[in-house]
Amino acid sequence: RRDSLPGYRALLRVEGPDGRDYGDAGAWLTLPSGPAQGGKILYLWSTLLTAPQGSTLLGDALTWLLPETMAGGG
């Protein structure tokens, strides 16, 4: 599972009406090694951004992202 990877944190999960788990729709990854060690990736499933709440979600993500990256958090 991705959530067992070092530096990986699931932020959003998608579940269907029948209870089927569709996996992570949002995640935060801090690269643990290699030339980009310490680099950070924010993943948001693009379909989330086309939903009616998409602009709010993007705004919330950016509000959260700025302090996380500026302070070296995550």
PDB file of N, CA and C in Angstrom:
ATOM      1  N   ARG A   1       0.829  -1.203   0.000  1.00  0.00           N
ATOM      2  CA  ARG A   1       0.000   0.000   0.000  1.00  0.00           C
ATOM      3  C   ARG A   1       0.860   1.249   0.000  1.00  0.00           C
ATOM      4  N   ARG A   2       0.372   2.251  -0.717  1.00  0.00           N
ATOM      5  CA  ARG A   2       1.111   3.512  -0.781  1.00  0.00           C
ATOM      6  C   ARG A   2       1.271   4.156   0.585  1.00  0.00           C
ATOM      7  N   ASP A   3       0.268   4.011   1.451  1.00  0.00           N
ATOM      8  CA  ASP A   3       0.349   4.685   2.745  1.00  0.00           C
ATOM      9  C   ASP A   3       1.399   4.076   3.663  1.00  0.00           C
ATOM     10  N   SER A   4       2.021   2.969   3.254  1.00  0.00           N
ATOM     11  CA  SER A   4       3.112   2.397   4.043  1.00  0.00           C
ATOM     12  C   SER A   4       4.480   2.871   3.542  1.00  0.00           C
ATOM     13  N   LEU A   5       4.502   3.658   2.478  1.00  0.00           N
ATOM     14  CA  LEU A   5       5.758   4.198   1.957  1.00  0.00           C
ATOM     15  C   LEU A   5       6.293   5.273   2.897  1.00  0.00           C
ATOM     16  N   PRO A   6       7.606   5.321   3.091  1.00  0.00           N
ATOM     17  CA  PRO A   6       8.170   6.390   3.925  1.00  0.00           C
ATOM     18  C   PRO A   6       7.844   7.759   3.327  1.00  0.00           C
ATOM     19  N   GLY A   7       7.363   8.659   4.141  1.00  0.00           N
ATOM     20  CA  GLY A   7       7.082  10.012   3.691  1.00  0.00           C
ATOM     21  C   GLY A   7       5.727  10.204   3.043  1.00  0.00           C
ATOM     22  N   TYR A   8       4.919   9.140   2.931  1.00  0.00           N
ATOM     23  CA  TYR A   8       3.615   9.231   2.272  1.00  0.00           C
ATOM     24  C   TYR A   8       2.513   9.430   3.305  1.00  0.00           C
ATOM     25  N   ARG A   9       1.630  10.397   3.032  1.00  0.00           N
ATOM     26  CA  ARG A   9       0.488  10.627   3.915  1.00  0.00           C
ATOM     27  C   ARG A   9      -0.761  10.807   3.056  1.00  0.00           C
ATOM     28  N   ALA A  10      -1.718   9.903   3.191  1.00  0.00           N
ATOM     29  CA  ALA A  10      -2.985  10.036   2.476  1.00  0.00           C
ATOM     30  C   ALA A  10      -3.773  11.188   3.091  1.00  0.00           C
ATOM     31  N   LEU A  11      -4.363  12.029   2.243  1.00  0.00           N
ATOM     32  CA  LEU A  11      -5.152  13.159   2.719  1.00  0.00           C
ATOM     33  C   LEU A  11      -6.640  12.971   2.465  1.00  0.00           C
ATOM     34  N   LEU A  12      -6.987  12.375   1.322  1.00  0.00           N
ATOM     35  CA  LEU A  12      -8.380  12.146   0.942  1.00  0.00           C
ATOM     36  C   LEU A  12      -8.507  10.757   0.343  1.00  0.00           C
ATOM     37  N   ARG A  13      -9.596  10.072   0.680  1.00  0.00           N
ATOM     38  CA  ARG A  13      -9.868   8.766   0.089  1.00  0.00           C
ATOM     39  C   ARG A  13     -11.231   8.826  -0.586  1.00  0.00           C
ATOM     40  N   VAL A  14     -11.406   8.018  -1.623  1.00  0.00           N
ATOM     41  CA  VAL A  14     -12.677   7.965  -2.341  1.00  0.00           C
ATOM     42  C   VAL A  14     -13.311   6.601  -2.106  1.00  0.00           C
ATOM     43  N   GLU A  15     -14.589   6.646  -1.730  1.00  0.00           N
ATOM     44  CA  GLU A  15     -15.357   5.419  -1.523  1.00  0.00           C
ATOM     45  C   GLU A  15     -16.651   5.548  -2.313  1.00  0.00           C
ATOM     46  N   GLY A  16     -16.986   4.503  -3.060  1.00  0.00           N
ATOM     47  CA  GLY A  16     -18.209   4.510  -3.847  1.00  0.00           C
ATOM     48  C   GLY A  16     -19.432   4.282  -2.985  1.00  0.00           C
ATOM     49  N   PRO A  17     -20.620   4.484  -3.550  1.00  0.00           N
ATOM     50  CA  PRO A  17     -21.858   4.301  -2.791  1.00  0.00           C
ATOM     51  C   PRO A  17     -22.044   2.866  -2.300  1.00  0.00           C
ATOM     52  N   ASP A  18     -21.391   1.921  -2.971  1.00  0.00           N
ATOM     53  CA  ASP A  18     -21.475   0.520  -2.562  1.00  0.00           C
ATOM     54  C   ASP A  18     -20.395   0.148  -1.552  1.00  0.00           C
ATOM     55  N   GLY A  19     -19.605   1.135  -1.117  1.00  0.00           N
ATOM     56  CA  GLY A  19     -18.544   0.876  -0.145  1.00  0.00           C
ATOM     57  C   GLY A  19     -17.209   0.514  -0.769  1.00  0.00           C
ATOM     58  N   ARG A  20     -17.166   0.422  -2.092  1.00  0.00           N
ATOM     59  CA  ARG A  20     -15.909   0.085  -2.763  1.00  0.00           C
ATOM     60  C   ARG A  20     -14.876   1.187  -2.538  1.00  0.00           C
ATOM     61  N   ASP A  21     -13.679   0.791  -2.174  1.00  0.00           N
ATOM     62  CA  ASP A  21     -12.583   1.734  -1.935  1.00  0.00           C
ATOM     63  C   ASP A  21     -11.878   2.017  -3.256  1.00  0.00           C
ATOM     64  N   TYR A  22     -11.902   3.268  -3.678  1.00  0.00           N
ATOM     65  CA  TYR A  22     -11.239   3.663  -4.919  1.00  0.00           C
ATOM     66  C   TYR A  22      -9.850   4.233  -4.681  1.00  0.00           C
ATOM     67  N   GLY A  23      -9.435   4.294  -3.437  1.00  0.00           N
ATOM     68  CA  GLY A  23      -8.076   4.711  -3.131  1.00  0.00           C
ATOM     69  C   GLY A  23      -7.954   6.184  -2.799  1.00  0.00           C
ATOM     70  N   ASP A  24      -6.745   6.639  -2.832  1.00  0.00           N
ATOM     71  CA  ASP A  24      -6.430   8.000  -2.424  1.00  0.00           C
ATOM     72  C   ASP A  24      -6.761   8.995  -3.535  1.00  0.00           C
ATOM     73  N   ALA A  25      -7.457  10.053  -3.156  1.00  0.00           N
ATOM     74  CA  ALA A  25      -7.761  11.134  -4.088  1.00  0.00           C
ATOM     75  C   ALA A  25      -6.912  12.356  -3.777  1.00  0.00           C
ATOM     76  N   GLY A  26      -6.171  12.277  -2.702  1.00  0.00           N
ATOM     77  CA  GLY A  26      -5.255  13.343  -2.324  1.00  0.00           C
ATOM     78  C   GLY A  26      -4.175  12.775  -1.430  1.00  0.00           C
ATOM     79  N   ALA A  27      -2.957  13.217  -1.623  1.00  0.00           N
ATOM     80  CA  ALA A  27      -1.844  12.699  -0.822  1.00  0.00           C
ATOM     81  C   ALA A  27      -0.727  13.726  -0.740  1.00  0.00           C
ATOM     82  N   TRP A  28       0.105  13.573   0.278  1.00  0.00           N
ATOM     83  CA  TRP A  28       1.279  14.418   0.528  1.00  0.00           C
ATOM     84  C   TRP A  28       2.465  13.485   0.613  1.00  0.00           C
ATOM     85  N   LEU A  29       3.480  13.750  -0.157  1.00  0.00           N
ATOM     86  CA  LEU A  29       4.667  12.901  -0.175  1.00  0.00           C
ATOM     87  C   LEU A  29       5.908  13.753   0.037  1.00  0.00           C
ATOM     88  N   THR A  30       6.705  13.367   1.009  1.00  0.00           N
ATOM     89  CA  THR A  30       8.018  13.964   1.211  1.00  0.00           C
ATOM     90  C   THR A  30       9.033  12.938   0.734  1.00  0.00           C
ATOM     91  N   LEU A  31       9.832  13.283  -0.250  1.00  0.00           N
ATOM     92  CA  LEU A  31      10.778  12.339  -0.837  1.00  0.00           C
ATOM     93  C   LEU A  31      11.877  12.017   0.173  1.00  0.00           C
ATOM     94  N   PRO A  32      12.024  10.715   0.512  1.00  0.00           N
ATOM     95  CA  PRO A  32      12.939  10.340   1.587  1.00  0.00           C
ATOM     96  C   PRO A  32      14.404  10.240   1.185  1.00  0.00           C
ATOM     97  N   SER A  33      14.688  10.096  -0.105  1.00  0.00           N
ATOM     98  CA  SER A  33      16.086   9.907  -0.509  1.00  0.00           C
ATOM     99  C   SER A  33      16.264  10.294  -1.970  1.00  0.00           C
ATOM    100  N   GLY A  34      17.501  10.221  -2.424  1.00  0.00           N
ATOM    101  CA  GLY A  34      17.806  10.520  -3.821  1.00  0.00           C
ATOM    102  C   GLY A  34      18.124  11.986  -4.031  1.00  0.00           C
ATOM    103  N   PRO A  35      18.325  12.377  -5.286  1.00  0.00           N
ATOM    104  CA  PRO A  35      18.736  13.744  -5.578  1.00  0.00           C
ATOM    105  C   PRO A  35      17.689  14.791  -5.176  1.00  0.00           C
ATOM    106  N   ALA A  36      16.438  14.392  -5.074  1.00  0.00           N
ATOM    107  CA  ALA A  36      15.378  15.331  -4.678  1.00  0.00           C
ATOM    108  C   ALA A  36      14.961  15.125  -3.219  1.00  0.00           C
ATOM    109  N   GLN A  37      15.839  14.522  -2.432  1.00  0.00           N
ATOM    110  CA  GLN A  37      15.526  14.237  -1.031  1.00  0.00           C
ATOM    111  C   GLN A  37      14.991  15.491  -0.338  1.00  0.00           C
ATOM    112  N   GLY A  38      13.910  15.305   0.400  1.00  0.00           N
ATOM    113  CA  GLY A  38      13.283  16.423   1.096  1.00  0.00           C
ATOM    114  C   GLY A  38      12.268  17.168   0.247  1.00  0.00           C
ATOM    115  N   GLY A  39      12.230  16.857  -1.053  1.00  0.00           N
ATOM    116  CA  GLY A  39      11.235  17.478  -1.927  1.00  0.00           C
ATOM    117  C   GLY A  39       9.840  17.036  -1.522  1.00  0.00           C
ATOM    118  N   LYS A  40       8.854  17.822  -1.883  1.00  0.00           N
ATOM    119  CA  LYS A  40       7.488  17.541  -1.483  1.00  0.00           C
ATOM    120  C   LYS A  40       6.568  17.544  -2.695  1.00  0.00           C
ATOM    121  N   ILE A  41       5.598  16.633  -2.665  1.00  0.00           N
ATOM    122  CA  ILE A  41       4.613  16.531  -3.738  1.00  0.00           C
ATOM    123  C   ILE A  41       3.226  16.519  -3.109  1.00  0.00           C
ATOM    124  N   LEU A  42       2.353  17.380  -3.606  1.00  0.00           N
ATOM    125  CA  LEU A  42       0.945  17.352  -3.225  1.00  0.00           C
ATOM    126  C   LEU A  42       0.186  16.795  -4.417  1.00  0.00           C
ATOM    127  N   TYR A  43      -0.544  15.703  -4.201  1.00  0.00           N
ATOM    128  CA  TYR A  43      -1.341  15.089  -5.262  1.00  0.00           C
ATOM    129  C   TYR A  43      -2.814  15.305  -4.953  1.00  0.00           C
ATOM    130  N   LEU A  44      -3.553  15.839  -5.920  1.00  0.00           N
ATOM    131  CA  LEU A  44      -5.007  15.926  -5.852  1.00  0.00           C
ATOM    132  C   LEU A  44      -5.565  15.355  -7.145  1.00  0.00           C
ATOM    133  N   TRP A  45      -6.483  14.428  -7.020  1.00  0.00           N
ATOM    134  CA  TRP A  45      -7.133  13.834  -8.181  1.00  0.00           C
ATOM    135  C   TRP A  45      -7.820  14.956  -8.956  1.00  0.00           C
ATOM    136  N   SER A  46      -7.509  15.102 -10.224  1.00  0.00           N
ATOM    137  CA  SER A  46      -7.986  16.244 -11.009  1.00  0.00           C
ATOM    138  C   SER A  46      -9.510  16.335 -11.059  1.00  0.00           C
ATOM    139  N   THR A  47     -10.203  15.217 -11.009  1.00  0.00           N
ATOM    140  CA  THR A  47     -11.665  15.239 -11.049  1.00  0.00           C
ATOM    141  C   THR A  47     -12.245  15.970  -9.844  1.00  0.00           C
ATOM    142  N   LEU A  48     -11.547  15.935  -8.716  1.00  0.00           N
ATOM    143  CA  LEU A  48     -12.022  16.672  -7.539  1.00  0.00           C
ATOM    144  C   LEU A  48     -12.116  18.163  -7.834  1.00  0.00           C
ATOM    145  N   LEU A  49     -11.202  18.656  -8.633  1.00  0.00           N
ATOM    146  CA  LEU A  49     -11.165  20.086  -8.916  1.00  0.00           C
ATOM    147  C   LEU A  49     -12.257  20.525  -9.885  1.00  0.00           C
ATOM    148  N   THR A  50     -12.878  19.583 -10.597  1.00  0.00           N
ATOM    149  CA  THR A  50     -13.976  19.919 -11.504  1.00  0.00           C
ATOM    150  C   THR A  50     -15.333  19.818 -10.817  1.00  0.00           C
ATOM    151  N   ALA A  51     -15.361  19.305  -9.597  1.00  0.00           N
ATOM    152  CA  ALA A  51     -16.602  19.202  -8.831  1.00  0.00           C
ATOM    153  C   ALA A  51     -17.021  20.591  -8.356  1.00  0.00           C
ATOM    154  N   PRO A  52     -18.279  20.745  -7.941  1.00  0.00           N
ATOM    155  CA  PRO A  52     -18.732  22.052  -7.453  1.00  0.00           C
ATOM    156  C   PRO A  52     -17.871  22.624  -6.322  1.00  0.00           C
ATOM    157  N   GLN A  53     -17.272  21.763  -5.522  1.00  0.00           N
ATOM    158  CA  GLN A  53     -16.422  22.203  -4.413  1.00  0.00           C
ATOM    159  C   GLN A  53     -14.966  22.361  -4.828  1.00  0.00           C
ATOM    160  N   GLY A  54     -14.670  22.214  -6.107  1.00  0.00           N
ATOM    161  CA  GLY A  54     -13.293  22.210  -6.586  1.00  0.00           C
ATOM    162  C   GLY A  54     -12.498  23.452  -6.246  1.00  0.00           C
ATOM    163  N   SER A  55     -13.081  24.624  -6.449  1.00  0.00           N
ATOM    164  CA  SER A  55     -12.329  25.851  -6.164  1.00  0.00           C
ATOM    165  C   SER A  55     -12.081  26.008  -4.667  1.00  0.00           C
ATOM    166  N   THR A  56     -13.038  25.582  -3.844  1.00  0.00           N
ATOM    167  CA  THR A  56     -12.840  25.628  -2.391  1.00  0.00           C
ATOM    168  C   THR A  56     -11.744  24.660  -1.983  1.00  0.00           C
ATOM    169  N   LEU A  57     -11.770  23.460  -2.555  1.00  0.00           N
ATOM    170  CA  LEU A  57     -10.743  22.464  -2.251  1.00  0.00           C
ATOM    171  C   LEU A  57      -9.358  22.973  -2.647  1.00  0.00           C
ATOM    172  N   LEU A  58      -9.249  23.557  -3.815  1.00  0.00           N
ATOM    173  CA  LEU A  58      -7.959  24.079  -4.265  1.00  0.00           C
ATOM    174  C   LEU A  58      -7.479  25.208  -3.347  1.00  0.00           C
ATOM    175  N   GLY A  59      -8.377  26.092  -2.973  1.00  0.00           N
ATOM    176  CA  GLY A  59      -8.015  27.165  -2.049  1.00  0.00           C
ATOM    177  C   GLY A  59      -7.559  26.626  -0.704  1.00  0.00           C
ATOM    178  N   ASP A  60      -8.282  25.622  -0.183  1.00  0.00           N
ATOM    179  CA  ASP A  60      -7.888  25.001   1.088  1.00  0.00           C
ATOM    180  C   ASP A  60      -6.529  24.330   0.965  1.00  0.00           C
ATOM    181  N   ALA A  61      -6.299  23.653  -0.160  1.00  0.00           N
ATOM    182  CA  ALA A  61      -5.016  22.967  -0.368  1.00  0.00           C
ATOM    183  C   ALA A  61      -3.869  23.975  -0.386  1.00  0.00           C
ATOM    184  N   LEU A  62      -4.056  25.081  -1.071  1.00  0.00           N
ATOM    185  CA  LEU A  62      -2.999  26.099  -1.125  1.00  0.00           C
ATOM    186  C   LEU A  62      -2.781  26.748   0.238  1.00  0.00           C
ATOM    187  N   THR A  63      -3.859  26.997   0.964  1.00  0.00           N
ATOM    188  CA  THR A  63      -3.745  27.564   2.312  1.00  0.00           C
ATOM    189  C   THR A  63      -2.952  26.632   3.218  1.00  0.00           C
ATOM    190  N   TRP A  64      -3.156  25.324   3.070  1.00  0.00           N
ATOM    191  CA  TRP A  64      -2.429  24.337   3.866  1.00  0.00           C
ATOM    192  C   TRP A  64      -1.001  24.170   3.352  1.00  0.00           C
ATOM    193  N   LEU A  65      -0.840  24.208   2.031  1.00  0.00           N
ATOM    194  CA  LEU A  65       0.448  23.925   1.403  1.00  0.00           C
ATOM    195  C   LEU A  65       1.515  24.977   1.716  1.00  0.00           C
ATOM    196  N   LEU A  66       1.158  26.218   1.683  1.00  0.00           N
ATOM    197  CA  LEU A  66       2.157  27.275   1.884  1.00  0.00           C
ATOM    198  C   LEU A  66       2.893  27.149   3.216  1.00  0.00           C
ATOM    199  N   PRO A  67       2.213  27.057   4.357  1.00  0.00           N
ATOM    200  CA  PRO A  67       2.962  26.900   5.611  1.00  0.00           C
ATOM    201  C   PRO A  67       3.745  25.582   5.677  1.00  0.00           C
ATOM    202  N   GLU A  68       3.190  24.517   5.088  1.00  0.00           N
ATOM    203  CA  GLU A  68       3.873  23.216   5.097  1.00  0.00           C
ATOM    204  C   GLU A  68       5.217  23.299   4.384  1.00  0.00           C
ATOM    205  N   THR A  69       5.251  23.995   3.271  1.00  0.00           N
ATOM    206  CA  THR A  69       6.495  24.062   2.503  1.00  0.00           C
ATOM    207  C   THR A  69       7.444  25.126   3.040  1.00  0.00           C
ATOM    208  N   MET A  70       6.909  26.233   3.485  1.00  0.00           N
ATOM    209  CA  MET A  70       7.766  27.312   3.981  1.00  0.00           C
ATOM    210  C   MET A  70       8.447  26.936   5.296  1.00  0.00           C
ATOM    211  N   ALA A  71       7.750  26.158   6.131  1.00  0.00           N
ATOM    212  CA  ALA A  71       8.301  25.777   7.434  1.00  0.00           C
ATOM    213  C   ALA A  71       9.032  24.442   7.368  1.00  0.00           C
ATOM    214  N   GLY A  72       9.017  23.812   6.198  1.00  0.00           N
ATOM    215  CA  GLY A  72       9.674  22.508   6.078  1.00  0.00           C
ATOM    216  C   GLY A  72       8.873  21.401   6.719  1.00  0.00           C
ATOM    217  N   GLY A  73       7.570  21.610   6.895  1.00  0.00           N
ATOM    218  CA  GLY A  73       6.722  20.604   7.534  1.00  0.00           C
ATOM    219  C   GLY A  73       6.447  19.435   6.628  1.00  0.00           C
ATOM    220  N   GLY A  74       5.797  18.425   7.206  1.00  0.00           N
ATOM    221  CA  GLY A  74       5.356  17.288   6.410  1.00  0.00           C
ATOM    222  C   GLY A  74       6.273  16.147   6.540  1.00  0.00           C
TER     223      GLY A  74
END
